[in-house]
Amino acid sequence: MYGTLHRTYKKALQKALQTKSSSLHLIEILEDFANEDNEFESEDEELGEKESDDSDKENINVVQLQNPKLKRGKGRLVGTKRYKASLKLPAETL
């Protein structure tokens, strides 16, 4: 989505920079779009308030809350030992 929008914007900007009238037209279009976006934000906020009311319900599935998924830690297991490489020579033989 972002890539398509950016590509289209760059093409429109290059065309608009070729002539002054196209530049003014593009500025007008972008300002209209920005003003329309503010109107949609207020509608989205109203919808968000309705959705938040739905999310305040109690949890019905108590078993899922009592038994959360276990996560394994990263790293070596507790019972395993670290082995040294057999290619390392003792300091005395050097």
C-alpha atoms as a PDB file:
ATOM      1  CA  MET A   1       0.000   0.000   0.000  1.00  0.00           C
ATOM      2  CA  TYR A   2       2.705   2.474   1.032  1.00  0.00           C
ATOM      3  CA  GLY A   3       4.844   1.625  -2.016  1.00  0.00           C
ATOM      4  CA  THR A   4       1.981   2.167  -4.439  1.00  0.00           C
ATOM      5  CA  LEU A   5       1.049   5.470  -2.821  1.00  0.00           C
ATOM      6  CA  HIS A   6       4.641   6.703  -2.849  1.00  0.00           C
ATOM      7  CA  ARG A   7       5.158   5.691  -6.500  1.00  0.00           C
ATOM      8  CA  THR A   8       1.973   7.487  -7.584  1.00  0.00           C
ATOM      9  CA  TYR A   9       2.869  10.578  -5.560  1.00  0.00           C
ATOM     10  CA  LYS A  10       6.327  10.772  -7.164  1.00  0.00           C
ATOM     11  CA  LYS A  11       4.878  10.497 -10.683  1.00  0.00           C
ATOM     12  CA  ALA A  12       2.301  13.213  -9.969  1.00  0.00           C
ATOM     13  CA  LEU A  13       4.954  15.461  -8.444  1.00  0.00           C
ATOM     14  CA  GLN A  14       7.234  15.119 -11.481  1.00  0.00           C
ATOM     15  CA  LYS A  15       4.359  16.038 -13.814  1.00  0.00           C
ATOM     16  CA  ALA A  16       3.321  18.967 -11.622  1.00  0.00           C
ATOM     17  CA  LEU A  17       6.839  20.392 -11.492  1.00  0.00           C
ATOM     18  CA  GLN A  18       6.915  20.661 -15.303  1.00  0.00           C
ATOM     19  CA  THR A  19       4.301  23.437 -15.351  1.00  0.00           C
ATOM     20  CA  LYS A  20       3.172  25.976 -12.769  1.00  0.00           C
ATOM     21  CA  SER A  21      -0.546  25.406 -13.396  1.00  0.00           C
ATOM     22  CA  SER A  22      -0.133  21.672 -12.763  1.00  0.00           C
ATOM     23  CA  SER A  23       1.708  22.446  -9.523  1.00  0.00           C
ATOM     24  CA  LEU A  24      -1.136  24.643  -8.303  1.00  0.00           C
ATOM     25  CA  HIS A  25      -3.682  22.003  -9.284  1.00  0.00           C
ATOM     26  CA  LEU A  26      -1.776  19.280  -7.395  1.00  0.00           C
ATOM     27  CA  ILE A  27      -1.497  21.491  -4.303  1.00  0.00           C
ATOM     28  CA  GLU A  28      -5.249  22.101  -4.421  1.00  0.00           C
ATOM     29  CA  ILE A  29      -5.985  18.374  -4.712  1.00  0.00           C
ATOM     30  CA  LEU A  30      -3.689  17.522  -1.794  1.00  0.00           C
ATOM     31  CA  GLU A  31      -5.193  20.232   0.421  1.00  0.00           C
ATOM     32  CA  ASP A  32      -8.716  18.992  -0.349  1.00  0.00           C
ATOM     33  CA  PHE A  33      -7.674  15.440   0.482  1.00  0.00           C
ATOM     34  CA  ALA A  34      -6.066  16.537   3.756  1.00  0.00           C
ATOM     35  CA  ASN A  35      -9.232  18.388   4.786  1.00  0.00           C
ATOM     36  CA  GLU A  36     -11.431  15.403   3.933  1.00  0.00           C
ATOM     37  CA  ASP A  37      -9.183  13.191   6.051  1.00  0.00           C
ATOM     38  CA  ASN A  38      -9.911  15.322   9.125  1.00  0.00           C
ATOM     39  CA  GLU A  39     -13.629  14.726   8.630  1.00  0.00           C
ATOM     40  CA  PHE A  40     -13.111  10.950   8.446  1.00  0.00           C
ATOM     41  CA  GLU A  41     -11.002  10.947  11.629  1.00  0.00           C
ATOM     42  CA  SER A  42     -13.920  12.253  13.685  1.00  0.00           C
ATOM     43  CA  GLU A  43     -16.146   9.486  12.287  1.00  0.00           C
ATOM     44  CA  ASP A  44     -13.465   6.878  13.092  1.00  0.00           C
ATOM     45  CA  GLU A  45     -13.264   8.130  16.687  1.00  0.00           C
ATOM     46  CA  GLU A  46     -17.007   7.620  17.092  1.00  0.00           C
ATOM     47  CA  LEU A  47     -16.703   4.062  15.777  1.00  0.00           C
ATOM     48  CA  GLY A  48     -13.763   3.412  18.095  1.00  0.00           C
ATOM     49  CA  GLU A  49     -15.841   4.403  21.113  1.00  0.00           C
ATOM     50  CA  LYS A  50     -18.524   1.886  20.143  1.00  0.00           C
ATOM     51  CA  GLU A  51     -15.935  -0.897  19.728  1.00  0.00           C
ATOM     52  CA  SER A  52     -14.345  -0.148  23.109  1.00  0.00           C
ATOM     53  CA  ASP A  53     -17.729  -0.654  24.784  1.00  0.00           C
ATOM     54  CA  ASP A  54     -17.865  -4.161  23.310  1.00  0.00           C
ATOM     55  CA  SER A  55     -14.389  -5.045  24.595  1.00  0.00           C
ATOM     56  CA  ASP A  56     -15.302  -4.364  28.249  1.00  0.00           C
ATOM     57  CA  LYS A  57     -17.127  -7.685  28.582  1.00  0.00           C
ATOM     58  CA  GLU A  58     -16.033 -10.253  31.162  1.00  0.00           C
ATOM     59  CA  ASN A  59     -13.964 -13.271  30.162  1.00  0.00           C
ATOM     60  CA  ILE A  60     -16.212 -16.273  29.730  1.00  0.00           C
ATOM     61  CA  ASN A  61     -13.494 -18.910  29.269  1.00  0.00           C
ATOM     62  CA  VAL A  62     -11.903 -19.056  32.738  1.00  0.00           C
ATOM     63  CA  VAL A  63      -9.827 -22.176  31.888  1.00  0.00           C
ATOM     64  CA  GLN A  64      -7.816 -20.238  29.339  1.00  0.00           C
ATOM     65  CA  LEU A  65      -6.977 -17.599  31.939  1.00  0.00           C
ATOM     66  CA  GLN A  66      -5.855 -20.211  34.489  1.00  0.00           C
ATOM     67  CA  ASN A  67      -3.605 -22.104  32.056  1.00  0.00           C
ATOM     68  CA  PRO A  68      -1.567 -19.610  30.037  1.00  0.00           C
ATOM     69  CA  LYS A  69       0.769 -20.860  27.328  1.00  0.00           C
ATOM     70  CA  LEU A  70       4.230 -21.685  28.631  1.00  0.00           C
ATOM     71  CA  LYS A  71       7.188 -19.981  27.005  1.00  0.00           C
ATOM     72  CA  ARG A  72      10.595 -21.606  26.772  1.00  0.00           C
ATOM     73  CA  GLY A  73      13.633 -19.597  27.642  1.00  0.00           C
ATOM     74  CA  LYS A  74      16.468 -19.135  25.204  1.00  0.00           C
ATOM     75  CA  GLY A  75      19.846 -20.682  25.739  1.00  0.00           C
ATOM     76  CA  ARG A  76      21.275 -23.984  26.874  1.00  0.00           C
ATOM     77  CA  LEU A  77      19.141 -26.378  28.902  1.00  0.00           C
ATOM     78  CA  VAL A  78      19.931 -26.667  32.611  1.00  0.00           C
ATOM     79  CA  GLY A  79      21.004 -30.344  32.507  1.00  0.00           C
ATOM     80  CA  THR A  80      23.442 -30.078  29.584  1.00  0.00           C
ATOM     81  CA  LYS A  81      27.172 -29.548  29.972  1.00  0.00           C
ATOM     82  CA  ARG A  82      29.477 -27.480  27.828  1.00  0.00           C
ATOM     83  CA  TYR A  83      32.124 -29.501  26.037  1.00  0.00           C
ATOM     84  CA  LYS A  84      35.500 -28.082  25.050  1.00  0.00           C
ATOM     85  CA  ALA A  85      36.791 -28.664  21.552  1.00  0.00           C
ATOM     86  CA  SER A  86      39.341 -31.463  21.212  1.00  0.00           C
ATOM     87  CA  LEU A  87      41.517 -29.280  18.967  1.00  0.00           C
ATOM     88  CA  LYS A  88      42.577 -26.986  21.805  1.00  0.00           C
ATOM     89  CA  LEU A  89      46.020 -27.830  23.130  1.00  0.00           C
ATOM     90  CA  PRO A  90      46.952 -27.465  26.787  1.00  0.00           C
ATOM     91  CA  ALA A  91      49.154 -24.454  27.602  1.00  0.00           C
ATOM     92  CA  GLU A  92      51.995 -26.737  28.840  1.00  0.00           C
ATOM     93  CA  THR A  93      52.746 -28.248  25.394  1.00  0.00           C
ATOM     94  CA  LEU A  94      53.375 -24.923  23.713  1.00  0.00           C
END
